[in-house]
Amino acid sequence: MPQAVAAAERMAAARTVGDPVCSLSAVGQPNPSLVPQVGRIGIGHYGDYWCLIW
């Protein structure tokens, strides 16, 4: 998902976790138990930064 990838790139550039676009942000591997069981999740990553949108 392009929006999630762009958010991950912004987080990597800022060297911080968190972006208003993301429902869940992480550096390293996200914990799958924190992700809700919903029908569709947009995922984007850049380097070690992850953005999940639901």
PDB file of N, CA and C in Angstrom:
ATOM      1  N   MET A   1       0.853  -1.169   0.000  1.00  0.00           N
ATOM      2  CA  MET A   1       0.000   0.000   0.000  1.00  0.00           C
ATOM      3  C   MET A   1       0.900   1.233   0.000  1.00  0.00           C
ATOM      4  N   PRO A   2       0.789   2.079  -1.007  1.00  0.00           N
ATOM      5  CA  PRO A   2       1.694   3.221  -1.145  1.00  0.00           C
ATOM      6  C   PRO A   2       1.688   4.181   0.054  1.00  0.00           C
ATOM      7  N   GLN A   3       0.521   4.412   0.647  1.00  0.00           N
ATOM      8  CA  GLN A   3       0.453   5.326   1.790  1.00  0.00           C
ATOM      9  C   GLN A   3       1.230   4.776   2.981  1.00  0.00           C
ATOM     10  N   ALA A   4       1.166   3.475   3.186  1.00  0.00           N
ATOM     11  CA  ALA A   4       1.884   2.844   4.295  1.00  0.00           C
ATOM     12  C   ALA A   4       3.389   2.872   4.051  1.00  0.00           C
ATOM     13  N   VAL A   5       3.808   2.660   2.811  1.00  0.00           N
ATOM     14  CA  VAL A   5       5.230   2.716   2.475  1.00  0.00           C
ATOM     15  C   VAL A   5       5.755   4.138   2.675  1.00  0.00           C
ATOM     16  N   ALA A   6       4.991   5.132   2.227  1.00  0.00           N
ATOM     17  CA  ALA A   6       5.417   6.528   2.398  1.00  0.00           C
ATOM     18  C   ALA A   6       5.545   6.873   3.877  1.00  0.00           C
ATOM     19  N   ALA A   7       4.616   6.390   4.695  1.00  0.00           N
ATOM     20  CA  ALA A   7       4.683   6.651   6.139  1.00  0.00           C
ATOM     21  C   ALA A   7       5.921   5.980   6.744  1.00  0.00           C
ATOM     22  N   ALA A   8       6.221   4.749   6.311  1.00  0.00           N
ATOM     23  CA  ALA A   8       7.416   4.059   6.806  1.00  0.00           C
ATOM     24  C   ALA A   8       8.679   4.809   6.412  1.00  0.00           C
ATOM     25  N   GLU A   9       8.702   5.360   5.209  1.00  0.00           N
ATOM     26  CA  GLU A   9       9.852   6.155   4.767  1.00  0.00           C
ATOM     27  C   GLU A   9      10.005   7.412   5.624  1.00  0.00           C
ATOM     28  N   ARG A  10       8.889   8.071   5.953  1.00  0.00           N
ATOM     29  CA  ARG A  10       8.962   9.266   6.802  1.00  0.00           C
ATOM     30  C   ARG A  10       9.497   8.913   8.185  1.00  0.00           C
ATOM     31  N   MET A  11       9.035   7.791   8.733  1.00  0.00           N
ATOM     32  CA  MET A  11       9.512   7.375  10.058  1.00  0.00           C
ATOM     33  C   MET A  11      11.002   7.073  10.020  1.00  0.00           C
ATOM     34  N   ALA A  12      11.450   6.388   8.972  1.00  0.00           N
ATOM     35  CA  ALA A  12      12.870   6.062   8.852  1.00  0.00           C
ATOM     36  C   ALA A  12      13.704   7.340   8.741  1.00  0.00           C
ATOM     37  N   ALA A  13      13.221   8.296   7.959  1.00  0.00           N
ATOM     38  CA  ALA A  13      13.956   9.555   7.800  1.00  0.00           C
ATOM     39  C   ALA A  13      14.034  10.317   9.121  1.00  0.00           C
ATOM     40  N   ALA A  14      12.954  10.266   9.905  1.00  0.00           N
ATOM     41  CA  ALA A  14      12.919  10.960  11.191  1.00  0.00           C
ATOM     42  C   ALA A  14      13.542  10.131  12.312  1.00  0.00           C
ATOM     43  N   ARG A  15      13.821   8.862  12.024  1.00  0.00           N
ATOM     44  CA  ARG A  15      14.370   7.922  13.007  1.00  0.00           C
ATOM     45  C   ARG A  15      13.498   7.860  14.257  1.00  0.00           C
ATOM     46  N   THR A  16      12.174   7.768  14.009  1.00  0.00           N
ATOM     47  CA  THR A  16      11.204   7.679  15.090  1.00  0.00           C
ATOM     48  C   THR A  16      10.053   6.775  14.661  1.00  0.00           C
ATOM     49  N   VAL A  17       9.383   6.195  15.610  1.00  0.00           N
ATOM     50  CA  VAL A  17       8.243   5.334  15.328  1.00  0.00           C
ATOM     51  C   VAL A  17       6.967   6.130  15.551  1.00  0.00           C
ATOM     52  N   GLY A  18       6.070   6.080  14.578  1.00  0.00           N
ATOM     53  CA  GLY A  18       4.783   6.739  14.701  1.00  0.00           C
ATOM     54  C   GLY A  18       4.529   7.685  13.545  1.00  0.00           C
ATOM     55  N   ASP A  19       3.381   7.531  12.918  1.00  0.00           N
ATOM     56  CA  ASP A  19       2.942   8.405  11.843  1.00  0.00           C
ATOM     57  C   ASP A  19       1.421   8.440  11.900  1.00  0.00           C
ATOM     58  N   PRO A  20       0.807   9.608  11.709  1.00  0.00           N
ATOM     59  CA  PRO A  20      -0.652   9.702  11.803  1.00  0.00           C
ATOM     60  C   PRO A  20      -1.405   8.787  10.847  1.00  0.00           C
ATOM     61  N   VAL A  21      -0.776   8.398   9.742  1.00  0.00           N
ATOM     62  CA  VAL A  21      -1.427   7.532   8.766  1.00  0.00           C
ATOM     63  C   VAL A  21      -1.556   6.096   9.290  1.00  0.00           C
ATOM     64  N   CYS A  22      -0.647   5.674  10.139  1.00  0.00           N
ATOM     65  CA  CYS A  22      -0.565   4.276  10.563  1.00  0.00           C
ATOM     66  C   CYS A  22      -1.503   3.967  11.732  1.00  0.00           C
ATOM     67  N   SER A  23      -2.174   2.828  11.633  1.00  0.00           N
ATOM     68  CA  SER A  23      -2.939   2.322  12.776  1.00  0.00           C
ATOM     69  C   SER A  23      -1.994   1.681  13.780  1.00  0.00           C
ATOM     70  N   LEU A  24      -0.914   1.090  13.282  1.00  0.00           N
ATOM     71  CA  LEU A  24       0.123   0.486  14.120  1.00  0.00           C
ATOM     72  C   LEU A  24       1.460   0.746  13.456  1.00  0.00           C
ATOM     73  N   SER A  25       2.426   1.219  14.231  1.00  0.00           N
ATOM     74  CA  SER A  25       3.777   1.482  13.728  1.00  0.00           C
ATOM     75  C   SER A  25       4.760   0.646  14.524  1.00  0.00           C
ATOM     76  N   ALA A  26       5.845   0.252  13.871  1.00  0.00           N
ATOM     77  CA  ALA A  26       6.845  -0.543  14.573  1.00  0.00           C
ATOM     78  C   ALA A  26       8.196  -0.357  13.909  1.00  0.00           C
ATOM     79  N   VAL A  27       9.229  -0.606  14.694  1.00  0.00           N
ATOM     80  CA  VAL A  27      10.580  -0.722  14.157  1.00  0.00           C
ATOM     81  C   VAL A  27      11.009  -2.136  14.504  1.00  0.00           C
ATOM     82  N   GLY A  28      11.618  -2.818  13.554  1.00  0.00           N
ATOM     83  CA  GLY A  28      11.868  -4.249  13.722  1.00  0.00           C
ATOM     84  C   GLY A  28      10.637  -4.992  13.235  1.00  0.00           C
ATOM     85  N   GLN A  29      10.405  -6.169  13.734  1.00  0.00           N
ATOM     86  CA  GLN A  29       9.238  -6.940  13.320  1.00  0.00           C
ATOM     87  C   GLN A  29       8.039  -6.606  14.196  1.00  0.00           C
ATOM     88  N   PRO A  30       6.880  -6.273  13.583  1.00  0.00           N
ATOM     89  CA  PRO A  30       5.692  -6.032  14.385  1.00  0.00           C
ATOM     90  C   PRO A  30       5.238  -7.322  15.064  1.00  0.00           C
ATOM     91  N   ASN A  31       4.650  -7.175  16.225  1.00  0.00           N
ATOM     92  CA  ASN A  31       4.142  -8.321  16.969  1.00  0.00           C
ATOM     93  C   ASN A  31       2.783  -8.712  16.392  1.00  0.00           C
ATOM     94  N   PRO A  32       2.661  -9.877  15.766  1.00  0.00           N
ATOM     95  CA  PRO A  32       1.393 -10.266  15.139  1.00  0.00           C
ATOM     96  C   PRO A  32       0.217 -10.317  16.115  1.00  0.00           C
ATOM     97  N   SER A  33       0.474 -10.524  17.385  1.00  0.00           N
ATOM     98  CA  SER A  33      -0.625 -10.591  18.347  1.00  0.00           C
ATOM     99  C   SER A  33      -1.257  -9.215  18.589  1.00  0.00           C
ATOM    100  N   LEU A  34      -0.590  -8.134  18.182  1.00  0.00           N
ATOM    101  CA  LEU A  34      -1.142  -6.791  18.338  1.00  0.00           C
ATOM    102  C   LEU A  34      -2.022  -6.374  17.167  1.00  0.00           C
ATOM    103  N   VAL A  35      -2.005  -7.147  16.094  1.00  0.00           N
ATOM    104  CA  VAL A  35      -2.756  -6.802  14.895  1.00  0.00           C
ATOM    105  C   VAL A  35      -4.161  -7.400  15.005  1.00  0.00           C
ATOM    106  N   PRO A  36      -5.199  -6.564  14.893  1.00  0.00           N
ATOM    107  CA  PRO A  36      -6.562  -7.096  15.012  1.00  0.00           C
ATOM    108  C   PRO A  36      -6.918  -7.981  13.823  1.00  0.00           C
ATOM    109  N   GLN A  37      -7.857  -8.864  14.032  1.00  0.00           N
ATOM    110  CA  GLN A  37      -8.331  -9.752  12.972  1.00  0.00           C
ATOM    111  C   GLN A  37      -9.403  -9.014  12.171  1.00  0.00           C
ATOM    112  N   VAL A  38      -8.961  -8.248  11.193  1.00  0.00           N
ATOM    113  CA  VAL A  38      -9.871  -7.502  10.330  1.00  0.00           C
ATOM    114  C   VAL A  38      -9.720  -8.012   8.907  1.00  0.00           C
ATOM    115  N   GLY A  39     -10.665  -7.664   8.067  1.00  0.00           N
ATOM    116  CA  GLY A  39     -10.674  -8.177   6.705  1.00  0.00           C
ATOM    117  C   GLY A  39      -9.511  -7.736   5.843  1.00  0.00           C
ATOM    118  N   ARG A  40      -9.045  -6.519   6.036  1.00  0.00           N
ATOM    119  CA  ARG A  40      -7.990  -6.016   5.146  1.00  0.00           C
ATOM    120  C   ARG A  40      -7.040  -5.115   5.920  1.00  0.00           C
ATOM    121  N   ILE A  41      -5.752  -5.316   5.719  1.00  0.00           N
ATOM    122  CA  ILE A  41      -4.722  -4.498   6.354  1.00  0.00           C
ATOM    123  C   ILE A  41      -3.749  -4.060   5.274  1.00  0.00           C
ATOM    124  N   GLY A  42      -3.468  -2.765   5.233  1.00  0.00           N
ATOM    125  CA  GLY A  42      -2.449  -2.243   4.332  1.00  0.00           C
ATOM    126  C   GLY A  42      -1.118  -2.259   5.061  1.00  0.00           C
ATOM    127  N   ILE A  43      -0.110  -2.796   4.408  1.00  0.00           N
ATOM    128  CA  ILE A  43       1.205  -2.937   5.033  1.00  0.00           C
ATOM    129  C   ILE A  43       2.248  -2.230   4.173  1.00  0.00           C
ATOM    130  N   GLY A  44       3.100  -1.475   4.842  1.00  0.00           N
ATOM    131  CA  GLY A  44       4.214  -0.843   4.163  1.00  0.00           C
ATOM    132  C   GLY A  44       5.428  -0.885   5.063  1.00  0.00           C
ATOM    133  N   HIS A  45       6.587  -1.079   4.471  1.00  0.00           N
ATOM    134  CA  HIS A  45       7.807  -1.026   5.271  1.00  0.00           C
ATOM    135  C   HIS A  45       8.917  -0.375   4.473  1.00  0.00           C
ATOM    136  N   TYR A  46       9.857   0.163   5.216  1.00  0.00           N
ATOM    137  CA  TYR A  46      11.042   0.786   4.638  1.00  0.00           C
ATOM    138  C   TYR A  46      12.160   0.537   5.630  1.00  0.00           C
ATOM    139  N   GLY A  47      13.172  -0.195   5.218  1.00  0.00           N
ATOM    140  CA  GLY A  47      14.217  -0.592   6.162  1.00  0.00           C
ATOM    141  C   GLY A  47      13.605  -1.416   7.275  1.00  0.00           C
ATOM    142  N   ASP A  48      13.811  -1.019   8.510  1.00  0.00           N
ATOM    143  CA  ASP A  48      13.257  -1.726   9.668  1.00  0.00           C
ATOM    144  C   ASP A  48      11.929  -1.135  10.142  1.00  0.00           C
ATOM    145  N   TYR A  49      11.432  -0.105   9.469  1.00  0.00           N
ATOM    146  CA  TYR A  49      10.217   0.585   9.913  1.00  0.00           C
ATOM    147  C   TYR A  49       8.990   0.027   9.192  1.00  0.00           C
ATOM    148  N   TRP A  50       7.926  -0.193   9.963  1.00  0.00           N
ATOM    149  CA  TRP A  50       6.699  -0.776   9.453  1.00  0.00           C
ATOM    150  C   TRP A  50       5.523   0.131   9.764  1.00  0.00           C
ATOM    151  N   CYS A  51       4.572   0.153   8.835  1.00  0.00           N
ATOM    152  CA  CYS A  51       3.315   0.872   9.014  1.00  0.00           C
ATOM    153  C   CYS A  51       2.186  -0.059   8.597  1.00  0.00           C
ATOM    154  N   LEU A  52       1.240  -0.263   9.489  1.00  0.00           N
ATOM    155  CA  LEU A  52       0.061  -1.060   9.185  1.00  0.00           C
ATOM    156  C   LEU A  52      -1.156  -0.150   9.278  1.00  0.00           C
ATOM    157  N   ILE A  53      -2.036  -0.266   8.284  1.00  0.00           N
ATOM    158  CA  ILE A  53      -3.243   0.543   8.229  1.00  0.00           C
ATOM    159  C   ILE A  53      -4.445  -0.384   8.121  1.00  0.00           C
ATOM    160  N   TRP A  54      -5.412  -0.196   9.002  1.00  0.00           N
ATOM    161  CA  TRP A  54      -6.680  -0.929   8.881  1.00  0.00           C
ATOM    162  C   TRP A  54      -7.841  -0.018   9.075  1.00  0.00           C
TER     163      TRP A  54
END
